[in-house]
């Protein structure tokens, strides 16, 4: 089953301290996670995205295209990248996400692909 990981970072000042992350066993660096998941055949694609300040939001209202600069919502977390994962089930997807550095420093939103 395919899963989309939305890799999110905390807004500056809200991220956990490096000491608390290290004390909990610390994550593997992102580069190591990518290498491990690529070798495992679990990671199908992924990349970083530009910051929310570079976002453009497009909506159509009453037939008119409305364009906004910046993120579509003000939140404490911002999307920093994505990964597409192939996993046997949600448990395996969670195990893969838990090894990602941003699960320790931000968050990984795990979403299964829509299936009919």
N, C-alpha and C. Protein backbone atom coordinates (compact mmCIF):
# COMPACT_ATOMS: atom_id res chain seq x y z
N UNK A 1 0.84 -1.18 0.00
CA UNK A 1 0.00 0.00 0.00
C UNK A 1 0.89 1.24 0.00
N UNK A 2 0.47 2.26 -0.72
CA UNK A 2 1.24 3.50 -0.77
C UNK A 2 0.76 4.47 0.30
N UNK A 3 1.74 5.19 0.85
CA UNK A 3 1.46 6.21 1.86
C UNK A 3 2.20 7.49 1.47
N UNK A 4 1.56 8.61 1.72
CA UNK A 4 2.19 9.91 1.56
C UNK A 4 2.61 10.37 2.94
N UNK A 5 3.88 10.69 3.08
CA UNK A 5 4.37 11.30 4.32
C UNK A 5 4.50 12.79 4.06
N UNK A 6 3.79 13.60 4.81
CA UNK A 6 3.99 15.04 4.78
C UNK A 6 4.98 15.35 5.91
N UNK A 7 6.14 15.82 5.53
CA UNK A 7 7.20 16.09 6.49
C UNK A 7 7.04 17.54 6.95
N UNK A 8 6.79 17.72 8.23
CA UNK A 8 6.48 19.05 8.76
C UNK A 8 7.50 19.47 9.80
N UNK A 9 7.78 20.76 9.79
CA UNK A 9 8.69 21.33 10.78
C UNK A 9 7.90 22.29 11.66
N UNK A 10 8.36 22.44 12.87
CA UNK A 10 7.74 23.37 13.80
C UNK A 10 8.19 24.78 13.47
N UNK A 11 7.34 25.74 13.76
CA UNK A 11 7.72 27.14 13.59
C UNK A 11 8.89 27.44 14.52
N UNK A 12 9.79 28.34 14.11
CA UNK A 12 10.93 28.67 14.97
C UNK A 12 10.47 29.03 16.38
N UNK A 13 11.18 28.46 17.35
CA UNK A 13 10.85 28.71 18.75
C UNK A 13 9.96 27.64 19.35
N UNK A 14 9.32 26.79 18.51
CA UNK A 14 8.44 25.74 19.00
C UNK A 14 9.06 24.35 18.93
N UNK A 15 10.24 24.25 18.30
CA UNK A 15 10.84 22.94 18.12
C UNK A 15 11.41 22.42 19.44
N UNK A 16 11.45 21.08 19.59
CA UNK A 16 12.00 20.51 20.82
C UNK A 16 13.50 20.77 20.89
N UNK A 17 14.01 20.85 22.09
CA UNK A 17 15.44 21.07 22.27
C UNK A 17 16.26 19.86 21.86
N UNK A 18 17.45 20.10 21.34
CA UNK A 18 18.32 19.02 20.90
C UNK A 18 18.65 18.08 22.05
N UNK A 19 18.77 18.63 23.27
CA UNK A 19 19.09 17.78 24.42
C UNK A 19 17.98 16.77 24.69
N UNK A 20 16.71 17.20 24.59
CA UNK A 20 15.61 16.27 24.87
C UNK A 20 15.52 15.20 23.79
N UNK A 21 15.82 15.55 22.54
CA UNK A 21 15.80 14.57 21.46
C UNK A 21 16.94 13.57 21.65
N UNK A 22 18.13 14.05 21.94
CA UNK A 22 19.28 13.18 22.15
C UNK A 22 19.05 12.25 23.33
N UNK A 23 18.44 12.77 24.40
CA UNK A 23 18.18 11.96 25.59
C UNK A 23 17.20 10.82 25.28
N UNK A 24 16.35 11.02 24.29
CA UNK A 24 15.37 9.99 23.93
C UNK A 24 15.93 8.97 22.95
N UNK A 25 17.22 9.06 22.64
CA UNK A 25 17.84 8.10 21.73
C UNK A 25 18.15 8.70 20.37
N UNK A 26 17.60 9.86 20.09
CA UNK A 26 17.90 10.59 18.88
C UNK A 26 17.49 9.90 17.59
N UNK A 27 17.22 10.67 16.58
CA UNK A 27 16.85 10.12 15.28
C UNK A 27 18.07 9.84 14.42
N UNK A 28 17.87 9.11 13.35
CA UNK A 28 18.95 8.98 12.37
C UNK A 28 18.87 10.21 11.46
N UNK A 29 20.02 10.72 11.01
CA UNK A 29 19.99 11.87 10.09
C UNK A 29 19.16 11.54 8.85
N UNK A 30 18.52 12.55 8.28
CA UNK A 30 17.64 12.36 7.13
C UNK A 30 18.36 11.63 6.00
N UNK A 31 19.61 11.96 5.74
CA UNK A 31 20.35 11.32 4.66
C UNK A 31 20.45 9.81 4.88
N UNK A 32 20.67 9.42 6.13
CA UNK A 32 20.75 7.98 6.46
C UNK A 32 19.38 7.32 6.30
N UNK A 33 18.32 8.02 6.71
CA UNK A 33 16.96 7.50 6.57
C UNK A 33 16.65 7.26 5.09
N UNK A 34 16.96 8.24 4.25
CA UNK A 34 16.72 8.11 2.81
C UNK A 34 17.48 6.92 2.26
N UNK A 35 18.75 6.79 2.61
CA UNK A 35 19.56 5.66 2.12
C UNK A 35 18.97 4.33 2.57
N UNK A 36 18.59 4.23 3.84
CA UNK A 36 18.03 2.98 4.36
C UNK A 36 16.71 2.63 3.69
N UNK A 37 15.83 3.61 3.53
CA UNK A 37 14.52 3.35 2.94
C UNK A 37 14.62 3.07 1.44
N UNK A 38 15.56 3.73 0.76
CA UNK A 38 15.80 3.43 -0.66
C UNK A 38 16.31 2.00 -0.81
N UNK A 39 17.27 1.60 0.03
CA UNK A 39 17.83 0.25 -0.03
C UNK A 39 16.76 -0.81 0.29
N UNK A 40 15.88 -0.47 1.19
CA UNK A 40 14.80 -1.37 1.61
C UNK A 40 13.70 -1.47 0.54
N UNK A 41 13.69 -0.51 -0.39
CA UNK A 41 12.66 -0.47 -1.43
C UNK A 41 11.36 0.14 -0.95
N UNK A 42 11.39 0.77 0.21
CA UNK A 42 10.18 1.35 0.79
C UNK A 42 9.90 2.77 0.28
N UNK A 43 10.95 3.51 -0.02
CA UNK A 43 10.78 4.91 -0.45
C UNK A 43 10.73 4.97 -1.97
N UNK A 44 9.60 5.44 -2.49
CA UNK A 44 9.40 5.50 -3.94
C UNK A 44 9.80 6.86 -4.50
N UNK A 45 9.61 7.92 -3.72
CA UNK A 45 9.93 9.27 -4.15
C UNK A 45 9.91 10.17 -2.93
N UNK A 46 10.47 11.35 -3.07
CA UNK A 46 10.43 12.32 -1.99
C UNK A 46 11.35 13.48 -2.30
N UNK A 47 11.07 14.60 -1.63
CA UNK A 47 11.90 15.78 -1.81
C UNK A 47 11.50 16.83 -0.80
N UNK A 48 12.36 17.82 -0.67
CA UNK A 48 12.04 18.99 0.14
C UNK A 48 11.18 19.92 -0.70
N UNK A 49 10.45 20.80 -0.05
CA UNK A 49 9.71 21.84 -0.76
C UNK A 49 10.14 23.20 -0.21
N UNK A 50 9.92 24.23 -1.02
CA UNK A 50 10.28 25.59 -0.61
C UNK A 50 9.45 25.98 0.61
N UNK A 51 9.90 26.98 1.37
CA UNK A 51 9.17 27.37 2.59
C UNK A 51 7.76 27.90 2.29
N UNK A 52 6.93 27.89 3.32
CA UNK A 52 5.54 28.33 3.19
C UNK A 52 5.45 29.76 2.65
N UNK A 53 6.45 30.57 2.93
CA UNK A 53 6.43 31.95 2.44
C UNK A 53 6.48 32.01 0.91
N UNK A 54 6.92 30.92 0.26
CA UNK A 54 6.97 30.86 -1.21
C UNK A 54 5.71 30.20 -1.80
N UNK A 55 4.77 29.83 -0.95
CA UNK A 55 3.58 29.12 -1.42
C UNK A 55 2.63 30.08 -2.15
N UNK A 56 1.86 29.50 -3.06
CA UNK A 56 0.77 30.20 -3.73
C UNK A 56 -0.47 29.33 -3.57
N UNK A 57 -1.55 29.90 -3.08
CA UNK A 57 -2.79 29.18 -2.89
C UNK A 57 -3.77 29.60 -3.97
N UNK A 58 -4.38 28.62 -4.63
CA UNK A 58 -5.32 28.89 -5.71
C UNK A 58 -6.69 28.35 -5.31
N UNK A 59 -7.70 29.20 -5.43
CA UNK A 59 -9.08 28.81 -5.18
C UNK A 59 -9.93 29.36 -6.32
N UNK A 60 -11.03 28.67 -6.62
CA UNK A 60 -11.99 29.19 -7.58
C UNK A 60 -13.29 29.42 -6.82
N UNK A 61 -13.76 30.65 -6.84
CA UNK A 61 -14.99 31.04 -6.15
C UNK A 61 -15.88 31.77 -7.13
N UNK A 62 -17.11 31.27 -7.27
CA UNK A 62 -18.06 31.86 -8.22
C UNK A 62 -17.46 31.96 -9.61
N UNK A 63 -16.70 30.94 -10.01
CA UNK A 63 -16.11 30.91 -11.33
C UNK A 63 -14.88 31.78 -11.50
N UNK A 64 -14.45 32.46 -10.47
CA UNK A 64 -13.29 33.35 -10.55
C UNK A 64 -12.10 32.72 -9.84
N UNK A 65 -10.95 32.75 -10.50
CA UNK A 65 -9.72 32.23 -9.91
C UNK A 65 -9.19 33.27 -8.92
N UNK A 66 -8.99 32.84 -7.68
CA UNK A 66 -8.48 33.71 -6.62
C UNK A 66 -7.13 33.14 -6.18
N UNK A 67 -6.10 33.98 -6.22
CA UNK A 67 -4.74 33.55 -5.90
C UNK A 67 -4.25 34.31 -4.68
N UNK A 68 -3.69 33.57 -3.72
CA UNK A 68 -3.13 34.16 -2.51
C UNK A 68 -1.66 33.80 -2.41
N UNK A 69 -0.84 34.72 -1.94
CA UNK A 69 0.56 34.43 -1.63
C UNK A 69 0.62 33.84 -0.24
N UNK A 70 1.57 32.95 -0.05
CA UNK A 70 1.79 32.39 1.28
C UNK A 70 0.97 31.13 1.51
N UNK A 71 1.10 30.55 2.69
CA UNK A 71 0.44 29.27 3.00
C UNK A 71 -1.08 29.45 3.08
N UNK A 72 -1.78 28.36 2.86
CA UNK A 72 -3.23 28.39 2.90
C UNK A 72 -3.76 28.52 4.32
N UNK A 73 -2.95 28.21 5.32
CA UNK A 73 -3.39 28.27 6.71
C UNK A 73 -2.22 28.66 7.60
N UNK A 74 -2.52 29.40 8.62
CA UNK A 74 -1.50 29.73 9.61
C UNK A 74 -1.51 28.63 10.68
N UNK A 75 -0.41 27.91 10.78
CA UNK A 75 -0.31 26.83 11.75
C UNK A 75 1.06 26.87 12.41
N UNK A 76 1.21 26.09 13.47
CA UNK A 76 2.51 25.99 14.12
C UNK A 76 3.47 25.15 13.30
N UNK A 77 2.93 24.23 12.48
CA UNK A 77 3.76 23.39 11.64
C UNK A 77 3.63 23.81 10.18
N UNK A 78 4.71 23.66 9.44
CA UNK A 78 4.70 23.96 8.02
C UNK A 78 5.26 22.75 7.27
N UNK A 79 4.71 22.46 6.09
CA UNK A 79 5.18 21.35 5.28
C UNK A 79 6.56 21.70 4.73
N UNK A 80 7.51 20.82 4.98
CA UNK A 80 8.89 21.04 4.53
C UNK A 80 9.28 20.08 3.41
N UNK A 81 8.50 19.02 3.23
CA UNK A 81 8.81 18.05 2.19
C UNK A 81 7.80 16.92 2.21
N UNK A 82 8.07 15.92 1.39
CA UNK A 82 7.18 14.77 1.29
C UNK A 82 7.99 13.53 0.93
N UNK A 83 7.42 12.40 1.24
CA UNK A 83 7.95 11.11 0.80
C UNK A 83 6.77 10.23 0.44
N UNK A 84 6.95 9.42 -0.59
CA UNK A 84 5.95 8.42 -0.97
C UNK A 84 6.56 7.08 -0.61
N UNK A 85 5.83 6.34 0.20
CA UNK A 85 6.32 5.10 0.78
C UNK A 85 5.44 3.93 0.34
N UNK A 86 6.05 2.80 0.12
CA UNK A 86 5.33 1.54 -0.10
C UNK A 86 5.53 0.71 1.16
N UNK A 87 4.42 0.36 1.80
CA UNK A 87 4.50 -0.43 3.03
C UNK A 87 3.39 -1.47 3.01
N UNK A 88 3.60 -2.55 3.72
CA UNK A 88 2.62 -3.64 3.76
C UNK A 88 1.32 -3.20 4.43
N UNK A 89 1.46 -2.31 5.43
CA UNK A 89 0.28 -1.88 6.18
C UNK A 89 0.62 -0.63 6.98
N UNK A 90 -0.35 -0.12 7.71
CA UNK A 90 -0.14 1.10 8.49
C UNK A 90 0.94 0.92 9.55
N UNK A 91 1.00 -0.24 10.17
CA UNK A 91 2.03 -0.48 11.20
C UNK A 91 3.43 -0.31 10.62
N UNK A 92 3.66 -0.86 9.42
CA UNK A 92 4.98 -0.71 8.80
C UNK A 92 5.23 0.74 8.42
N UNK A 93 4.19 1.44 7.93
CA UNK A 93 4.35 2.86 7.58
C UNK A 93 4.71 3.68 8.81
N UNK A 94 4.10 3.39 9.93
CA UNK A 94 4.41 4.09 11.19
C UNK A 94 5.85 3.79 11.62
N UNK A 95 6.26 2.55 11.50
CA UNK A 95 7.64 2.18 11.85
C UNK A 95 8.63 2.96 10.99
N UNK A 96 8.35 3.07 9.69
CA UNK A 96 9.22 3.82 8.78
C UNK A 96 9.22 5.30 9.17
N UNK A 97 8.04 5.86 9.42
CA UNK A 97 7.94 7.28 9.79
C UNK A 97 8.67 7.58 11.10
N UNK A 98 8.63 6.65 12.04
CA UNK A 98 9.24 6.88 13.35
C UNK A 98 10.75 7.00 13.28
N UNK A 99 11.34 6.49 12.20
CA UNK A 99 12.79 6.59 12.03
C UNK A 99 13.22 7.89 11.38
N UNK A 100 12.26 8.65 10.85
CA UNK A 100 12.58 9.91 10.16
C UNK A 100 12.92 10.98 11.18
N UNK A 101 13.98 11.72 10.91
CA UNK A 101 14.44 12.77 11.83
C UNK A 101 13.33 13.75 12.18
N UNK A 102 12.48 14.08 11.23
CA UNK A 102 11.43 15.07 11.49
C UNK A 102 10.34 14.54 12.40
N UNK A 103 10.23 13.23 12.56
CA UNK A 103 9.30 12.68 13.54
C UNK A 103 9.76 13.07 14.95
N UNK A 104 11.05 13.30 15.09
CA UNK A 104 11.64 13.67 16.38
C UNK A 104 11.71 15.18 16.56
N UNK A 105 11.89 15.89 15.46
CA UNK A 105 12.11 17.34 15.53
C UNK A 105 10.88 18.15 15.08
N UNK A 106 9.97 17.52 14.41
CA UNK A 106 8.76 18.16 13.90
C UNK A 106 7.65 17.14 13.95
N UNK A 107 7.16 16.74 12.76
CA UNK A 107 6.17 15.66 12.70
C UNK A 107 6.11 15.09 11.30
N UNK A 108 5.66 13.85 11.21
CA UNK A 108 5.41 13.20 9.93
C UNK A 108 3.94 12.83 9.91
N UNK A 109 3.20 13.41 8.98
CA UNK A 109 1.78 13.12 8.79
C UNK A 109 1.70 11.97 7.80
N UNK A 110 1.22 10.81 8.23
CA UNK A 110 1.16 9.59 7.41
C UNK A 110 -0.25 9.46 6.85
N UNK A 111 -0.35 9.47 5.50
CA UNK A 111 -1.66 9.36 4.87
C UNK A 111 -1.66 8.27 3.81
N UNK A 112 -2.59 7.30 3.96
CA UNK A 112 -2.67 6.25 2.93
C UNK A 112 -3.26 6.83 1.65
N UNK A 113 -2.81 6.27 0.52
CA UNK A 113 -3.41 6.65 -0.76
C UNK A 113 -4.86 6.19 -0.76
N UNK A 114 -5.69 6.93 -1.45
CA UNK A 114 -7.10 6.58 -1.58
C UNK A 114 -7.23 5.35 -2.46
N UNK A 115 -7.96 4.37 -2.01
CA UNK A 115 -8.24 3.19 -2.84
C UNK A 115 -9.74 2.97 -2.88
N UNK A 116 -10.22 2.48 -4.00
CA UNK A 116 -11.65 2.23 -4.16
C UNK A 116 -12.01 0.88 -3.60
